[in-house]
Amino acid sequence: MFDDKVLEQAVLGVTLTGRHRQNAAMKPNVPNIKEEIIVALDRWWFDPATIYVSAHDGTVKLTGQVRSLVERAEAEAAARASPGTILVENKISVG
């Protein structure tokens, strides 16, 4: 996906060698990231039927509907805090 030199430059010139170079290219190994996020949303008092979560290779997509922008931001924060999350696509609507 990334050229090693591009990756090295992206981390401000730090040279990655051996095992560290391998780890930088690895995808997160969190098989139950979706379930972890659903549990986290439940702890934040969200109705699991209103927010849908999908996850693949560390990218989490949130869809559904909440009552306010604050709830939308809280749902995104819960997803970002979950181990293995690299990117959150927040497609939750407010209404």
N, C-alpha and C. Protein backbone atom coordinates (compact mmCIF):
# COMPACT_ATOMS: atom_id res chain seq x y z
N MET A 1 0.82 -1.19 0.00
CA MET A 1 0.00 0.00 0.00
C MET A 1 0.86 1.25 0.00
N PHE A 2 1.75 1.42 0.98
CA PHE A 2 2.65 2.56 1.02
C PHE A 2 4.06 2.13 0.65
N ASP A 3 4.75 2.98 -0.06
CA ASP A 3 6.15 2.77 -0.31
C ASP A 3 6.89 3.02 1.00
N ASP A 4 7.90 2.19 1.31
CA ASP A 4 8.62 2.34 2.57
C ASP A 4 9.21 3.73 2.75
N LYS A 5 9.75 4.31 1.71
CA LYS A 5 10.34 5.64 1.80
C LYS A 5 9.29 6.70 2.11
N VAL A 6 8.11 6.56 1.50
CA VAL A 6 7.03 7.51 1.76
C VAL A 6 6.60 7.40 3.22
N LEU A 7 6.48 6.16 3.69
CA LEU A 7 6.09 5.94 5.08
C LEU A 7 7.13 6.54 6.03
N GLU A 8 8.40 6.35 5.74
CA GLU A 8 9.46 6.91 6.58
C GLU A 8 9.39 8.43 6.61
N GLN A 9 9.17 9.04 5.46
CA GLN A 9 9.08 10.50 5.40
C GLN A 9 7.85 11.00 6.14
N ALA A 10 6.79 10.24 6.12
CA ALA A 10 5.56 10.65 6.79
C ALA A 10 5.72 10.72 8.30
N VAL A 11 6.66 10.00 8.85
CA VAL A 11 6.91 10.06 10.29
C VAL A 11 8.15 10.89 10.58
N LEU A 12 8.30 11.94 9.82
CA LEU A 12 9.33 12.96 10.03
C LEU A 12 10.75 12.41 10.00
N GLY A 13 11.04 11.60 9.02
CA GLY A 13 12.40 11.17 8.80
C GLY A 13 12.88 10.05 9.70
N VAL A 14 12.04 9.50 10.53
CA VAL A 14 12.45 8.38 11.37
C VAL A 14 12.62 7.16 10.48
N THR A 15 13.76 6.51 10.58
CA THR A 15 14.01 5.34 9.76
C THR A 15 13.50 4.10 10.47
N LEU A 16 12.65 3.37 9.79
CA LEU A 16 12.11 2.14 10.34
C LEU A 16 12.93 0.97 9.82
N THR A 17 13.33 0.09 10.73
CA THR A 17 14.14 -1.06 10.33
C THR A 17 13.55 -2.33 10.89
N GLY A 18 13.86 -3.44 10.23
CA GLY A 18 13.51 -4.77 10.73
C GLY A 18 12.07 -4.90 11.14
N ARG A 19 11.87 -5.32 12.38
CA ARG A 19 10.54 -5.61 12.91
C ARG A 19 9.65 -4.36 12.90
N HIS A 20 10.21 -3.19 13.15
CA HIS A 20 9.42 -1.96 13.19
C HIS A 20 8.86 -1.63 11.81
N ARG A 21 9.63 -1.93 10.76
CA ARG A 21 9.14 -1.69 9.39
C ARG A 21 7.96 -2.61 9.12
N GLN A 22 8.04 -3.87 9.54
CA GLN A 22 6.94 -4.81 9.36
C GLN A 22 5.70 -4.35 10.11
N ASN A 23 5.87 -3.94 11.38
CA ASN A 23 4.74 -3.52 12.20
C ASN A 23 4.04 -2.28 11.63
N ALA A 24 4.79 -1.38 11.02
CA ALA A 24 4.19 -0.16 10.47
C ALA A 24 3.25 -0.48 9.33
N ALA A 25 3.48 -1.58 8.63
CA ALA A 25 2.63 -1.93 7.49
C ALA A 25 1.50 -2.87 7.86
N MET A 26 1.46 -3.34 9.11
CA MET A 26 0.44 -4.31 9.51
C MET A 26 -0.91 -3.63 9.70
N LYS A 27 -1.95 -4.37 9.45
CA LYS A 27 -3.31 -3.90 9.70
C LYS A 27 -3.67 -4.27 11.14
N PRO A 28 -4.60 -3.52 11.74
CA PRO A 28 -4.98 -3.85 13.12
C PRO A 28 -5.57 -5.25 13.22
N ASN A 29 -5.23 -5.92 14.30
CA ASN A 29 -5.71 -7.28 14.51
C ASN A 29 -6.73 -7.28 15.64
N VAL A 30 -7.88 -6.69 15.38
CA VAL A 30 -8.94 -6.63 16.36
C VAL A 30 -10.19 -7.20 15.71
N PRO A 31 -10.40 -8.52 15.85
CA PRO A 31 -11.48 -9.16 15.12
C PRO A 31 -12.88 -8.73 15.54
N ASN A 32 -13.04 -8.24 16.75
CA ASN A 32 -14.38 -7.90 17.23
C ASN A 32 -14.56 -6.39 17.42
N ILE A 33 -13.92 -5.59 16.58
CA ILE A 33 -13.98 -4.13 16.73
C ILE A 33 -15.42 -3.63 16.67
N LYS A 34 -16.23 -4.20 15.78
CA LYS A 34 -17.63 -3.78 15.65
C LYS A 34 -18.37 -3.99 16.97
N GLU A 35 -18.21 -5.17 17.56
CA GLU A 35 -18.89 -5.48 18.81
C GLU A 35 -18.41 -4.58 19.95
N GLU A 36 -17.11 -4.29 19.96
CA GLU A 36 -16.56 -3.42 21.01
C GLU A 36 -17.17 -2.03 20.92
N ILE A 37 -17.35 -1.53 19.70
CA ILE A 37 -17.92 -0.20 19.51
C ILE A 37 -19.40 -0.20 19.91
N ILE A 38 -20.12 -1.24 19.56
CA ILE A 38 -21.53 -1.34 19.94
C ILE A 38 -21.68 -1.32 21.46
N VAL A 39 -20.81 -2.06 22.15
CA VAL A 39 -20.84 -2.06 23.62
C VAL A 39 -20.51 -0.66 24.15
N ALA A 40 -19.52 0.00 23.55
CA ALA A 40 -19.15 1.35 23.99
C ALA A 40 -20.31 2.32 23.78
N LEU A 41 -20.99 2.22 22.65
CA LEU A 41 -22.14 3.09 22.40
C LEU A 41 -23.24 2.84 23.43
N ASP A 42 -23.45 1.59 23.79
CA ASP A 42 -24.45 1.26 24.80
C ASP A 42 -24.08 1.90 26.14
N ARG A 43 -22.80 1.89 26.48
CA ARG A 43 -22.35 2.53 27.73
C ARG A 43 -22.60 4.04 27.70
N TRP A 44 -22.59 4.63 26.49
CA TRP A 44 -22.83 6.06 26.35
C TRP A 44 -24.33 6.35 26.25
N TRP A 45 -25.18 5.38 26.52
CA TRP A 45 -26.63 5.52 26.55
C TRP A 45 -27.27 5.63 25.17
N PHE A 46 -26.60 5.12 24.15
CA PHE A 46 -27.20 5.10 22.82
C PHE A 46 -28.04 3.85 22.66
N ASP A 47 -29.16 3.99 22.00
CA ASP A 47 -29.98 2.83 21.65
C ASP A 47 -29.30 2.12 20.49
N PRO A 48 -28.87 0.87 20.65
CA PRO A 48 -28.16 0.16 19.59
C PRO A 48 -28.96 0.06 18.28
N ALA A 49 -30.26 0.24 18.36
CA ALA A 49 -31.08 0.15 17.15
C ALA A 49 -31.01 1.44 16.31
N THR A 50 -30.44 2.52 16.85
CA THR A 50 -30.40 3.78 16.12
C THR A 50 -29.09 4.04 15.41
N ILE A 51 -28.03 3.34 15.80
CA ILE A 51 -26.72 3.52 15.18
C ILE A 51 -26.22 2.18 14.67
N TYR A 52 -25.81 2.16 13.42
CA TYR A 52 -25.29 0.95 12.80
C TYR A 52 -23.79 1.09 12.62
N VAL A 53 -23.06 0.03 12.94
CA VAL A 53 -21.60 0.05 12.89
C VAL A 53 -21.12 -1.02 11.92
N SER A 54 -20.22 -0.63 11.03
CA SER A 54 -19.51 -1.61 10.21
C SER A 54 -18.02 -1.30 10.33
N ALA A 55 -17.20 -2.33 10.25
CA ALA A 55 -15.76 -2.14 10.41
C ALA A 55 -15.00 -3.10 9.51
N HIS A 56 -13.94 -2.57 8.90
CA HIS A 56 -13.08 -3.39 8.05
C HIS A 56 -11.68 -2.80 8.05
N ASP A 57 -10.70 -3.61 8.44
CA ASP A 57 -9.29 -3.19 8.44
C ASP A 57 -9.05 -1.88 9.18
N GLY A 58 -9.74 -1.68 10.29
CA GLY A 58 -9.52 -0.49 11.11
C GLY A 58 -10.37 0.71 10.72
N THR A 59 -11.09 0.62 9.60
CA THR A 59 -11.98 1.70 9.20
C THR A 59 -13.38 1.39 9.71
N VAL A 60 -13.92 2.29 10.49
CA VAL A 60 -15.23 2.13 11.09
C VAL A 60 -16.19 3.09 10.42
N LYS A 61 -17.35 2.58 10.01
CA LYS A 61 -18.38 3.43 9.41
C LYS A 61 -19.60 3.42 10.32
N LEU A 62 -20.04 4.62 10.69
CA LEU A 62 -21.21 4.80 11.54
C LEU A 62 -22.34 5.38 10.70
N THR A 63 -23.51 4.76 10.77
CA THR A 63 -24.70 5.28 10.10
C THR A 63 -25.86 5.21 11.08
N GLY A 64 -26.95 5.85 10.72
CA GLY A 64 -28.12 5.86 11.56
C GLY A 64 -28.55 7.28 11.85
N GLN A 65 -29.30 7.45 12.94
CA GLN A 65 -29.82 8.77 13.27
C GLN A 65 -29.79 8.98 14.77
N VAL A 66 -29.41 10.20 15.16
CA VAL A 66 -29.41 10.61 16.57
C VAL A 66 -30.20 11.91 16.69
N ARG A 67 -30.40 12.36 17.92
CA ARG A 67 -31.24 13.54 18.16
C ARG A 67 -30.50 14.86 18.08
N SER A 68 -29.15 14.86 18.24
CA SER A 68 -28.42 16.13 18.28
C SER A 68 -27.00 15.98 17.74
N LEU A 69 -26.38 17.12 17.45
CA LEU A 69 -24.98 17.11 17.02
C LEU A 69 -24.06 16.61 18.13
N VAL A 70 -24.44 16.87 19.36
CA VAL A 70 -23.66 16.38 20.50
C VAL A 70 -23.65 14.86 20.51
N GLU A 71 -24.81 14.24 20.32
CA GLU A 71 -24.88 12.78 20.28
C GLU A 71 -24.06 12.23 19.11
N ARG A 72 -24.10 12.91 17.97
CA ARG A 72 -23.33 12.48 16.81
C ARG A 72 -21.83 12.48 17.14
N ALA A 73 -21.38 13.56 17.77
CA ALA A 73 -19.97 13.68 18.15
C ALA A 73 -19.60 12.64 19.21
N GLU A 74 -20.49 12.37 20.14
CA GLU A 74 -20.22 11.37 21.18
C GLU A 74 -20.09 9.97 20.58
N ALA A 75 -20.94 9.66 19.61
CA ALA A 75 -20.87 8.35 18.95
C ALA A 75 -19.54 8.20 18.22
N GLU A 76 -19.10 9.26 17.56
CA GLU A 76 -17.81 9.22 16.87
C GLU A 76 -16.67 9.06 17.86
N ALA A 77 -16.75 9.77 18.98
CA ALA A 77 -15.70 9.66 20.00
C ALA A 77 -15.61 8.24 20.55
N ALA A 78 -16.76 7.62 20.76
CA ALA A 78 -16.77 6.24 21.26
C ALA A 78 -16.12 5.30 20.25
N ALA A 79 -16.38 5.50 18.97
CA ALA A 79 -15.79 4.66 17.94
C ALA A 79 -14.28 4.89 17.85
N ARG A 80 -13.85 6.14 17.92
CA ARG A 80 -12.42 6.45 17.84
C ARG A 80 -11.64 5.86 19.01
N ALA A 81 -12.29 5.76 20.17
CA ALA A 81 -11.61 5.26 21.36
C ALA A 81 -11.48 3.74 21.38
N SER A 82 -12.16 3.07 20.48
CA SER A 82 -12.12 1.61 20.46
C SER A 82 -10.79 1.10 19.91
N PRO A 83 -10.16 0.12 20.58
CA PRO A 83 -8.89 -0.42 20.09
C PRO A 83 -9.02 -0.95 18.66
N GLY A 84 -8.07 -0.60 17.83
CA GLY A 84 -8.06 -1.06 16.45
C GLY A 84 -8.64 -0.08 15.46
N THR A 85 -9.30 0.97 15.96
CA THR A 85 -9.86 1.97 15.06
C THR A 85 -8.77 2.87 14.52
N ILE A 86 -8.71 2.96 13.19
CA ILE A 86 -7.75 3.85 12.53
C ILE A 86 -8.47 5.07 11.96
N LEU A 87 -9.63 4.83 11.37
CA LEU A 87 -10.39 5.89 10.71
C LEU A 87 -11.87 5.70 10.99
N VAL A 88 -12.57 6.80 11.25
CA VAL A 88 -14.02 6.75 11.47
C VAL A 88 -14.71 7.57 10.39
N GLU A 89 -15.61 6.92 9.67
CA GLU A 89 -16.47 7.61 8.70
C GLU A 89 -17.81 7.79 9.38
N ASN A 90 -18.09 9.01 9.81
CA ASN A 90 -19.31 9.30 10.56
C ASN A 90 -20.40 9.77 9.59
N LYS A 91 -21.32 8.89 9.25
CA LYS A 91 -22.43 9.18 8.34
C LYS A 91 -23.75 9.24 9.10
N ILE A 92 -23.68 9.48 10.41
CA ILE A 92 -24.87 9.56 11.24
C ILE A 92 -25.60 10.88 10.95
N SER A 93 -26.91 10.79 10.75
CA SER A 93 -27.70 11.99 10.52
C SER A 93 -28.33 12.46 11.84
N VAL A 94 -28.66 13.75 11.87
CA VAL A 94 -29.28 14.34 13.05
C VAL A 94 -30.71 14.72 12.69
N GLY A 95 -31.64 14.30 13.53
CA GLY A 95 -33.02 14.64 13.22
C GLY A 95 -33.98 14.32 14.32
